[in-house]
């Protein structure tokens, strides 16, 4: 097929590679414009931009797709379809209707569960036993289009957002090739999404990473995995110790007694914090501006005595995950 590829993040890279390797003609790649990044604030191309350059593909970086000339240029490409993966711009109807087979999206969840911006993180946070990739034909709604193909994968006890992200990105690359092959052979038909089971994966924020020790330990352990590597989870030290914000990069469940937030030290030197139910054994910690280190080494170099009560944050209402 002659296609356009619209994508930005690392999640989209395996799909672009797979399409090229499968022999599809990628007429143009749309991605976000380079942005200043790093200490030197040098402009950095998106991961999709970098791989497109390496593959010798034409790249466009429009500010948005609202201009009439953008729609006309897209229509003039005379495409069979467009593949959209983690692009970051809303596609207007003029783009959705411009190709023979429409715009095909790779979404990192089993739709209609976890429509929206952060499906991988929300699935882990909710304790879902599985997730997957859905290939859908886009419409004007938020991830509401009819489904073409889907595949499941389990979420294991050790999975983080990073490991699930990489697994689904590769799976998405495989499925999009199978989907386009099925569309060419007319062996795949679009199926409407079920009306029941809709949930929304709202965008994450750094402040949502605060650990509320009043919550069950199992929930907090999932948050640590769901928010790794970004936005990360953290807790504040008591005001008497300077109210420093400490990142928690790894934890396991354990037994613990005492009021929520009470810290003890296990025989192996690792800190344990009591939660609303159960406790968390803290494995990896990081102070601001410092390197991450094992929690036992952290305690050897930082005075955080047993019996310290770590404060819980002011409760911020979580966004709804189901339609109101």
Protein backbone atom coordinates (compact mmCIF):
# COMPACT_ATOMS: atom_id res chain seq x y z
CA UNK A 1 0.00 0.00 0.00
CA UNK A 2 0.91 3.63 -0.38
CA UNK A 3 0.61 5.08 3.11
CA UNK A 4 1.41 8.04 5.32
CA UNK A 5 2.73 7.42 8.81
CA UNK A 6 1.84 9.77 11.65
CA UNK A 7 3.70 9.16 14.91
CA UNK A 8 6.01 10.73 17.45
CA UNK A 9 7.09 8.65 20.44
CA UNK A 10 9.20 5.50 20.91
CA UNK A 11 5.97 3.50 20.94
CA UNK A 12 5.52 4.24 17.22
CA UNK A 13 9.03 3.27 16.08
CA UNK A 14 8.55 -0.54 15.75
CA UNK A 15 5.43 0.02 13.64
CA UNK A 16 7.23 2.30 11.17
CA UNK A 17 10.09 -0.17 10.87
CA UNK A 18 7.69 -3.07 10.35
CA UNK A 19 5.76 -1.29 7.61
CA UNK A 20 8.92 -0.48 5.68
CA UNK A 21 10.25 -4.03 6.09
CA UNK A 22 6.91 -5.41 4.84
CA UNK A 23 7.36 -3.47 1.60
CA UNK A 24 4.73 -0.76 2.03
CA UNK A 25 5.42 2.57 0.34
CA UNK A 26 5.66 5.18 3.10
CA UNK A 27 5.08 8.35 1.09
CA UNK A 28 5.62 10.70 4.03
CA UNK A 29 6.07 10.65 7.80
CA UNK A 30 4.31 13.23 9.97
CA UNK A 31 5.73 13.86 13.43
CA UNK A 32 6.02 16.57 16.07
CA UNK A 33 8.55 19.34 15.47
CA UNK A 34 11.95 19.14 17.21
CA UNK A 35 12.02 20.63 20.73
CA UNK A 36 14.82 21.94 22.97
CA UNK A 37 15.94 19.17 25.35
CA UNK A 38 18.76 18.39 27.76
CA UNK A 39 20.98 20.72 29.69
CA UNK A 40 22.14 22.49 26.55
CA UNK A 41 18.56 22.96 25.32
CA UNK A 42 19.57 21.75 21.88
CA UNK A 43 16.72 20.92 19.53
CA UNK A 44 16.05 17.19 19.55
CA UNK A 45 14.12 15.30 16.92
CA UNK A 46 11.37 12.89 17.96
CA UNK A 47 12.18 9.15 17.96
CA UNK A 48 10.00 8.72 14.85
CA UNK A 49 11.78 11.59 13.10
CA UNK A 50 15.16 10.00 13.80
CA UNK A 51 14.20 6.57 12.48
CA UNK A 52 12.49 8.13 9.45
CA UNK A 53 15.72 9.97 8.62
CA UNK A 54 17.68 6.74 8.99
CA UNK A 55 15.25 5.02 6.60
CA UNK A 56 15.46 7.85 4.07
CA UNK A 57 11.79 8.81 4.38
CA UNK A 58 10.32 12.24 3.78
CA UNK A 59 9.33 13.97 7.03
CA UNK A 60 6.85 16.77 7.76
CA UNK A 61 6.49 18.53 11.13
CA UNK A 62 3.42 20.80 10.93
CA UNK A 63 2.52 22.78 14.05
CA UNK A 64 -0.97 21.31 13.77
CA UNK A 65 -3.17 19.99 10.99
CA UNK A 66 -5.78 22.73 10.98
CA UNK A 67 -4.56 24.73 8.00
CA UNK A 68 -6.40 24.21 4.72
CA UNK A 69 -3.11 23.81 2.86
CA UNK A 70 -2.19 20.90 5.17
CA UNK A 71 -5.39 19.07 4.26
CA UNK A 72 -4.92 19.76 0.55
CA UNK A 73 -1.33 18.49 0.61
CA UNK A 74 -2.42 15.34 2.45
CA UNK A 75 -5.23 14.68 -0.05
CA UNK A 76 -2.84 15.22 -2.96
CA UNK A 77 -0.71 12.29 -1.80
CA UNK A 78 -3.43 9.92 -3.11
CA UNK A 79 -2.92 7.43 -0.28
CA UNK A 80 -4.41 4.00 0.30
CA UNK A 81 -4.43 4.66 4.05
CA UNK A 82 -2.68 6.44 6.90
CA UNK A 83 -1.24 4.71 9.96
CA UNK A 84 -1.39 6.73 13.18
CA UNK A 85 0.56 5.77 16.32
CA UNK A 86 1.10 8.02 19.34
CA UNK A 87 1.16 11.11 17.13
CA UNK A 88 0.11 13.86 19.54
CA UNK A 89 -2.05 15.96 17.21
CA UNK A 90 -5.79 15.59 16.68
CA UNK A 91 -6.64 14.59 13.13
CA UNK A 92 -9.39 16.74 11.59
CA UNK A 93 -12.13 15.15 9.52
CA UNK A 94 -10.43 16.31 6.32
CA UNK A 95 -7.53 13.96 7.14
CA UNK A 96 -9.73 11.11 8.34
CA UNK A 97 -11.63 11.11 5.04
CA UNK A 98 -8.68 11.71 2.70
CA UNK A 99 -7.58 8.12 2.02
CA UNK A 100 -9.20 5.07 0.47
CA UNK A 101 -9.19 2.96 3.65
CA UNK A 102 -9.13 5.76 6.21
CA UNK A 103 -6.74 6.35 9.11
CA UNK A 104 -5.71 3.22 11.01
CA UNK A 105 -4.62 3.62 14.62
CA UNK A 106 -2.51 1.39 16.88
CA UNK A 107 -3.79 1.74 20.46
CA UNK A 108 -2.07 0.22 23.50
CA UNK A 109 -5.08 -1.35 25.22
CA UNK A 110 -7.93 -3.78 24.68
CA UNK A 111 -10.61 -1.31 23.61
CA UNK A 112 -13.00 -0.08 24.81
CA UNK A 113 -11.04 -0.40 28.06
CA UNK A 114 -8.56 2.44 28.58
CA UNK A 115 -9.35 4.85 25.82
CA UNK A 116 -7.21 7.95 26.10
CA UNK A 117 -3.67 9.13 26.77
CA UNK A 118 -2.14 6.68 29.27
CA UNK A 119 -3.62 3.20 28.73
CA UNK A 120 -0.51 1.24 29.77
CA UNK A 121 -0.06 3.06 33.07
CA UNK A 122 -3.74 2.92 33.98
CA UNK A 123 -3.97 -0.81 33.25
CA UNK A 124 -1.09 -1.60 35.62
CA UNK A 125 -2.37 0.82 38.26
CA UNK A 126 -5.82 -0.78 38.18
CA UNK A 127 -4.36 -4.26 38.65
CA UNK A 128 -5.54 -5.55 35.25
CA UNK A 129 -4.44 -9.12 34.60
CA UNK A 130 -3.93 -8.44 30.91
CA UNK A 131 -3.72 -5.73 28.30
CA UNK A 132 -2.99 -5.71 24.59
CA UNK A 133 -3.06 -3.81 21.32
CA UNK A 134 -6.12 -2.85 19.32
CA UNK A 135 -5.95 -1.78 15.68
CA UNK A 136 -8.90 0.46 14.85
CA UNK A 137 -10.16 2.66 12.07
CA UNK A 138 -10.24 6.20 13.44
CA UNK A 139 -13.33 8.38 13.67
CA UNK A 140 -13.84 11.81 15.22
CA UNK A 141 -14.23 10.44 18.76
CA UNK A 142 -11.56 9.67 21.36
CA UNK A 143 -10.46 6.13 20.51
CA UNK A 144 -14.04 5.21 19.61
CA UNK A 145 -13.55 3.88 16.08
CA UNK A 146 -14.41 0.36 14.91
CA UNK A 147 -11.87 -2.38 15.63
CA UNK A 148 -9.96 -4.28 12.96
CA UNK A 149 -7.63 -6.55 14.95
CA UNK A 150 -6.56 -7.06 18.56
CA UNK A 151 -4.19 -9.26 20.53
CA UNK A 152 -3.82 -9.81 24.28
CA UNK A 153 -0.78 -10.10 26.53
CA UNK A 154 -0.66 -10.77 30.29
CA UNK A 155 0.56 -8.21 32.81
CA UNK A 156 2.95 -10.03 35.13
CA UNK A 157 3.71 -9.21 38.76
CA UNK A 158 7.06 -7.69 37.79
CA UNK A 159 5.88 -5.63 34.83
CA UNK A 160 6.44 -1.88 34.81
CA UNK A 161 5.08 0.69 32.38
CA UNK A 162 8.43 0.46 30.58
CA UNK A 163 8.34 -3.31 30.05
CA UNK A 164 4.69 -3.36 28.97
CA UNK A 165 5.30 -0.35 26.69
CA UNK A 166 8.11 -2.13 24.85
CA UNK A 167 6.13 -5.36 24.53
CA UNK A 168 3.06 -3.61 23.16
CA UNK A 169 5.10 -1.46 20.78
CA UNK A 170 6.56 -4.59 19.16
CA UNK A 171 3.15 -6.24 19.11
CA UNK A 172 1.68 -3.17 17.46
CA UNK A 173 4.25 -3.38 14.69
CA UNK A 174 3.33 -6.99 14.02
CA UNK A 175 -0.42 -6.36 14.11
CA UNK A 176 -0.41 -3.35 11.80
CA UNK A 177 1.32 -5.38 9.10
CA UNK A 178 -1.23 -8.18 9.54
CA UNK A 179 -4.05 -5.63 9.47
CA UNK A 180 -2.97 -4.02 6.21
CA UNK A 181 -2.50 -7.47 4.67
CA UNK A 182 -6.02 -8.43 5.77
CA UNK A 183 -7.48 -5.21 4.37
CA UNK A 184 -5.78 -5.79 1.02
CA UNK A 185 -7.08 -9.36 0.91
CA UNK A 186 -10.48 -8.29 2.27
CA UNK A 187 -10.27 -10.86 5.06
CA UNK A 188 -10.68 -8.29 7.87
CA UNK A 189 -13.83 -6.33 8.60
CA UNK A 190 -14.24 -3.48 11.07
CA UNK A 191 -16.30 -4.34 14.17
CA UNK A 192 -17.90 -1.64 16.38
CA UNK A 193 -16.55 -1.37 19.91
CA UNK A 194 -18.81 -2.77 22.66
CA UNK A 195 -20.95 -0.18 24.41
CA UNK A 196 -20.09 -1.67 27.83
CA UNK A 197 -16.72 -1.77 29.58
CA UNK A 198 -15.60 1.73 28.56
CA UNK A 199 -12.90 3.28 30.76
CA UNK A 200 -10.71 6.35 30.25
CA UNK A 201 -6.94 6.46 30.69
CA UNK A 202 -6.47 10.09 31.66
CA UNK A 203 -3.12 11.79 31.17
CA UNK A 204 -0.64 11.40 34.02
CA UNK A 205 0.79 14.23 36.09
CA UNK A 206 3.90 14.40 38.27
CA UNK A 207 1.81 15.20 41.34
CA UNK A 208 -0.17 11.99 40.91
CA UNK A 209 3.02 10.12 41.76
CA UNK A 210 2.73 11.10 45.46
CA UNK A 211 2.50 8.04 47.73
CA UNK A 212 -0.39 8.12 50.18
CA UNK A 213 0.58 5.66 52.91
CA UNK A 214 -3.05 5.46 54.01
CA UNK A 215 -3.80 3.47 50.85
CA UNK A 216 -3.37 -0.35 50.68
CA UNK A 217 0.20 -1.47 50.08
CA UNK A 218 -0.86 -3.51 47.03
CA UNK A 219 -2.20 -0.35 45.38
CA UNK A 220 0.99 1.58 46.09
CA UNK A 221 3.18 -1.24 44.78
CA UNK A 222 1.23 -1.16 41.52
CA UNK A 223 1.67 2.62 41.36
CA UNK A 224 5.43 2.27 41.66
CA UNK A 225 5.43 -0.08 38.66
CA UNK A 226 2.80 1.82 36.70
CA UNK A 227 4.63 5.14 37.02
CA UNK A 228 8.09 3.79 36.13
CA UNK A 229 9.98 5.43 34.54
CA UNK A 230 7.67 8.47 34.28
CA UNK A 231 6.29 10.36 36.16
CA UNK A 232 7.75 8.30 39.02
CA UNK A 233 6.52 7.88 42.58
CA UNK A 234 7.74 9.84 45.58
CA UNK A 235 7.19 10.72 49.21
CA UNK A 236 8.06 13.69 51.39
CA UNK A 237 10.24 13.52 54.49
CA UNK A 238 8.77 15.03 57.68
CA UNK A 239 9.04 18.83 57.90
CA UNK A 240 11.51 18.49 60.78
CA UNK A 241 13.85 16.74 58.32
CA UNK A 242 13.52 19.39 55.63
CA UNK A 243 10.51 18.14 53.67
CA UNK A 244 12.78 16.67 51.02
CA UNK A 245 11.10 14.75 48.22
CA UNK A 246 12.44 11.19 47.83
CA UNK A 247 11.75 9.10 44.72
CA UNK A 248 10.78 5.46 45.19
CA UNK A 249 11.97 3.42 42.21
CA UNK A 250 11.20 -0.09 43.39
CA UNK A 251 9.23 -1.83 46.14
CA UNK A 252 7.73 -5.16 47.14
CA UNK A 253 4.86 -6.12 49.40
CA UNK A 254 5.51 -7.22 52.97
CA UNK A 255 3.90 -7.34 56.40
CA UNK A 256 4.07 -4.24 58.56
CA UNK A 257 2.50 -2.86 61.71
CA UNK A 258 1.91 0.62 63.03
CA UNK A 259 0.15 3.70 61.76
CA UNK A 260 0.32 4.41 58.01
CA UNK A 261 3.65 5.98 57.13
CA UNK A 262 5.56 4.46 60.06
CA UNK A 263 8.98 3.26 58.94
CA UNK A 264 10.89 0.35 60.38
CA UNK A 265 14.13 -1.29 59.27
CA UNK A 266 14.20 -5.00 58.42
CA UNK A 267 17.08 -7.29 59.45
CA UNK A 268 18.61 -7.00 55.98
CA UNK A 269 18.80 -3.21 56.35
CA UNK A 270 15.96 -2.34 54.00
CA UNK A 271 13.24 0.09 55.15
CA UNK A 272 9.64 -1.05 55.51
CA UNK A 273 6.74 1.42 55.58
CA UNK A 274 3.34 0.59 57.04
CA UNK A 275 0.39 1.33 54.75
CA UNK A 276 -3.37 1.41 55.21
CA UNK A 277 -3.26 -2.34 54.68
CA UNK A 278 0.04 -4.23 54.73
CA UNK A 279 3.41 -2.67 54.10
CA UNK A 280 5.95 -1.79 51.44
CA UNK A 281 9.58 -2.89 51.48
CA UNK A 282 11.45 -0.06 49.78
CA UNK A 283 14.10 -1.30 47.35
CA UNK A 284 15.46 1.69 45.41
CA UNK A 285 15.49 5.35 46.50
CA UNK A 286 16.76 8.60 45.03
CA UNK A 287 17.31 12.03 46.56
CA UNK A 288 16.93 15.18 44.41
CA UNK A 289 20.01 15.67 42.24
CA UNK A 290 21.56 12.37 43.38
CA UNK A 291 21.95 8.94 41.80
CA UNK A 292 19.50 6.17 42.59
CA UNK A 293 20.73 3.61 45.10
CA UNK A 294 19.53 0.55 46.93
CA UNK A 295 17.43 1.48 49.95
CA UNK A 296 19.77 -0.22 52.43
CA UNK A 297 22.71 1.83 51.10
CA UNK A 298 20.51 4.92 51.22
CA UNK A 299 19.91 4.42 54.95
CA UNK A 300 23.62 3.97 55.61
CA UNK A 301 24.30 7.40 54.15
CA UNK A 302 21.18 9.27 55.23
CA UNK A 303 19.75 9.61 58.72
CA UNK A 304 16.23 8.19 58.49
CA UNK A 305 15.76 6.38 61.79
CA UNK A 306 13.29 3.61 62.49
CA UNK A 307 10.06 4.98 63.91
CA UNK A 308 10.02 7.93 61.51
CA UNK A 309 6.47 8.64 60.35
CA UNK A 310 6.41 9.64 56.69
CA UNK A 311 3.60 12.11 55.92
CA UNK A 312 0.83 11.36 53.46
CA UNK A 313 -0.05 14.00 50.87
CA UNK A 314 -3.19 16.08 50.70
CA UNK A 315 -5.65 13.89 48.83
CA UNK A 316 -6.28 15.03 45.26
CA UNK A 317 -9.40 13.51 43.63
CA UNK A 318 -8.45 11.09 40.86
CA UNK A 319 -10.01 11.56 37.42
CA UNK A 320 -12.95 9.38 36.55
CA UNK A 321 -12.07 6.25 34.62
CA UNK A 322 -15.63 5.51 33.60
CA UNK A 323 -18.03 7.72 31.68
CA UNK A 324 -20.26 9.82 33.93
